[in-house]
Amino acid sequence: MIAVNISAYLTRQKNLLMINLMRKILAPITGLASYLLIAKSAFAADGVTIKICTDAAQNPILDAVCRFKADTFGQIVGNIIIAIIIIAIVIALIFLIIGGIKWITSGGDKSKVESARNTIVAAIVGLVITLLAYFIISFVLSIFGIDNIAEIKIPPLVK
């Protein structure tokens, strides 16, 4: 009697497991198939133009978006690269100073001196990586004939 109940229980558990597995597999497949099969096509209207830049002088954000051109994008990217490099150098120098202060205030305690040394080494490694990144970027840009990072010109995709 107990063996029959255990067998029926195991069969029921196996069936529930298969049902849950099929739900987990079939639900995403069914959803994806219905999305792809029922989706309607969208067609652009001919001759319709939207002019958002006519009132750009009244809205400073819209004015900035309207003045954005393909040739200014490279300058923005170059300035962002320069800003990231400057921020990384400043952070590395701050950690170098913090490591020096930790070393001075360690009082000869080996664990504090080791912590200070690790901070200084990490700061120097960060500084070296940042400077190497700048030199690698400058080298690659010089291969392409660009002397200044801030003067990157990205060609437009559409003329």
Protein backbone atom coordinates (compact mmCIF):
# COMPACT_ATOMS: atom_id res chain seq x y z
CA MET A 1 0.00 0.00 0.00
CA ILE A 2 2.80 2.42 0.91
CA ALA A 3 4.75 1.40 -2.20
CA VAL A 4 1.72 2.19 -4.38
CA ASN A 5 1.30 5.61 -2.75
CA ILE A 6 5.00 6.41 -3.18
CA SER A 7 4.86 5.30 -6.81
CA ALA A 8 1.76 7.41 -7.46
CA TYR A 9 3.38 10.37 -5.67
CA LEU A 10 6.57 10.08 -7.72
CA THR A 11 4.57 9.80 -10.94
CA ARG A 12 2.56 12.89 -10.00
CA GLN A 13 5.75 14.82 -9.13
CA LYS A 14 7.33 13.79 -12.42
CA ASN A 15 4.23 14.95 -14.30
CA LEU A 16 4.22 18.28 -12.44
CA LEU A 17 7.91 18.73 -13.20
CA MET A 18 7.31 18.08 -16.90
CA ILE A 19 4.38 20.49 -16.94
CA ASN A 20 6.46 23.22 -15.29
CA LEU A 21 9.34 22.55 -17.67
CA MET A 22 7.04 22.76 -20.68
CA ARG A 23 5.58 26.02 -19.35
CA LYS A 24 9.07 27.47 -18.99
CA ILE A 25 10.04 26.40 -22.48
CA LEU A 26 6.79 26.87 -24.39
CA ALA A 27 5.77 30.22 -22.89
CA PRO A 28 8.75 32.20 -24.26
CA ILE A 29 8.65 30.38 -27.60
CA THR A 30 4.92 31.01 -27.97
CA GLY A 31 5.33 34.63 -26.96
CA LEU A 32 8.17 35.20 -29.43
CA ALA A 33 6.33 33.45 -32.24
CA SER A 34 3.16 35.44 -31.66
CA TYR A 35 5.16 38.67 -31.50
CA LEU A 36 6.88 37.94 -34.78
CA LEU A 37 3.82 36.62 -36.59
CA ILE A 38 1.27 39.19 -35.45
CA ALA A 39 3.51 42.28 -35.74
CA LYS A 40 2.28 44.76 -38.30
CA SER A 41 4.45 46.55 -40.79
CA ALA A 42 5.10 50.25 -40.40
CA PHE A 43 5.62 52.46 -43.42
CA ALA A 44 7.01 55.99 -43.37
CA ALA A 45 4.87 58.68 -44.92
CA ASP A 46 6.26 60.42 -47.99
CA GLY A 47 6.80 64.17 -47.95
CA VAL A 48 6.22 64.68 -44.22
CA THR A 49 8.89 66.73 -42.48
CA ILE A 50 9.11 67.65 -38.84
CA LYS A 51 10.80 70.95 -38.10
CA ILE A 52 11.72 71.10 -34.43
CA CYS A 53 14.46 73.67 -34.84
CA THR A 54 12.18 76.55 -35.83
CA ASP A 55 11.49 77.52 -32.19
CA ALA A 56 14.89 76.45 -30.87
CA ALA A 57 15.85 79.93 -29.67
CA GLN A 58 13.18 79.79 -26.95
CA ASN A 59 14.34 76.46 -25.49
CA PRO A 60 18.06 76.18 -24.58
CA ILE A 61 18.09 72.36 -24.62
CA LEU A 62 16.43 72.24 -28.03
CA ASP A 63 18.82 74.93 -29.23
CA ALA A 64 21.81 72.80 -28.16
CA VAL A 65 20.35 69.77 -29.95
CA CYS A 66 19.71 71.78 -33.12
CA ARG A 67 23.27 73.17 -33.13
CA PHE A 68 24.67 69.65 -32.84
CA LYS A 69 26.26 68.65 -36.12
CA ALA A 70 28.21 65.61 -37.29
CA ASP A 71 31.50 67.52 -37.30
CA THR A 72 31.08 68.62 -33.66
CA PHE A 73 30.57 65.03 -32.48
CA GLY A 74 34.27 64.23 -32.84
CA GLN A 75 35.19 67.29 -30.80
CA ILE A 76 32.77 66.26 -28.07
CA VAL A 77 34.23 62.74 -27.99
CA GLY A 78 37.76 64.17 -27.86
CA ASN A 79 36.90 66.52 -25.01
CA ILE A 80 35.24 63.68 -23.08
CA ILE A 81 38.39 61.55 -23.50
CA ILE A 82 40.56 64.41 -22.24
CA ALA A 83 38.24 65.00 -19.26
CA ILE A 84 38.31 61.30 -18.32
CA ILE A 85 42.11 61.24 -18.48
CA ILE A 86 42.39 64.38 -16.34
CA ILE A 87 39.96 62.99 -13.76
CA ALA A 88 41.88 59.68 -13.64
CA ILE A 89 45.18 61.51 -13.10
CA VAL A 90 43.72 63.65 -10.32
CA ILE A 91 42.24 60.57 -8.59
CA ALA A 92 45.58 58.73 -8.85
CA LEU A 93 47.42 61.71 -7.35
CA ILE A 94 44.87 61.95 -4.51
CA PHE A 95 45.41 58.26 -3.71
CA LEU A 96 49.16 58.80 -3.85
CA ILE A 97 48.84 61.58 -1.26
CA ILE A 98 46.51 59.45 0.88
CA GLY A 99 49.03 56.59 0.78
CA GLY A 100 51.82 58.96 1.83
CA ILE A 101 49.76 60.28 4.73
CA LYS A 102 48.92 56.71 5.79
CA TRP A 103 52.63 55.84 5.71
CA ILE A 104 53.59 58.87 7.78
CA THR A 105 50.88 58.21 10.37
CA SER A 106 51.46 54.44 10.54
CA GLY A 107 53.84 54.77 13.49
CA GLY A 108 55.88 51.76 12.42
CA ASP A 109 52.96 49.31 12.54
CA LYS A 110 53.67 46.68 9.86
CA SER A 111 50.06 46.22 8.78
CA LYS A 112 49.52 49.98 8.42
CA VAL A 113 52.79 50.39 6.50
CA GLU A 114 51.78 47.52 4.20
CA SER A 115 48.36 49.11 3.65
CA ALA A 116 49.99 52.45 2.85
CA ARG A 117 52.46 50.78 0.49
CA ASN A 118 49.60 49.00 -1.32
CA THR A 119 47.75 52.31 -1.70
CA ILE A 120 50.84 54.01 -3.12
CA VAL A 121 51.55 51.12 -5.51
CA ALA A 122 47.93 51.10 -6.70
CA ALA A 123 48.04 54.87 -7.26
CA ILE A 124 51.26 54.61 -9.26
CA VAL A 125 49.86 51.74 -11.34
CA GLY A 126 46.71 53.78 -12.01
CA LEU A 127 48.81 56.77 -13.01
CA VAL A 128 50.95 54.66 -15.36
CA ILE A 129 47.88 53.05 -16.96
CA THR A 130 46.26 56.46 -17.47
CA LEU A 131 49.37 57.93 -19.06
CA LEU A 132 49.82 54.86 -21.26
CA ALA A 133 46.19 55.17 -22.38
CA TYR A 134 46.82 58.81 -23.33
CA PHE A 135 49.99 57.92 -25.26
CA ILE A 136 48.30 55.01 -27.04
CA ILE A 137 45.37 57.20 -28.06
CA SER A 138 47.76 59.92 -29.24
CA PHE A 139 49.84 57.38 -31.19
CA VAL A 140 46.80 55.86 -32.91
CA LEU A 141 45.42 59.30 -33.77
CA SER A 142 48.81 60.40 -35.15
CA ILE A 143 48.73 57.39 -37.48
CA PHE A 144 45.47 58.76 -38.86
CA GLY A 145 46.92 62.27 -39.13
CA ILE A 146 45.20 63.82 -36.11
CA ASP A 147 47.57 65.82 -33.92
CA ASN A 148 45.16 66.84 -31.17
CA ILE A 149 42.62 64.62 -29.41
CA ALA A 150 40.14 67.50 -29.26
CA GLU A 151 40.18 67.79 -33.06
CA ILE A 152 38.79 64.35 -33.89
CA LYS A 153 36.66 64.50 -37.00
CA ILE A 154 34.21 61.65 -37.49
CA PRO A 155 32.98 61.41 -41.08
CA PRO A 156 29.20 61.47 -41.54
CA LEU A 157 27.42 58.29 -42.56
CA VAL A 158 25.07 60.11 -44.94
CA LYS A 159 25.98 63.00 -47.20
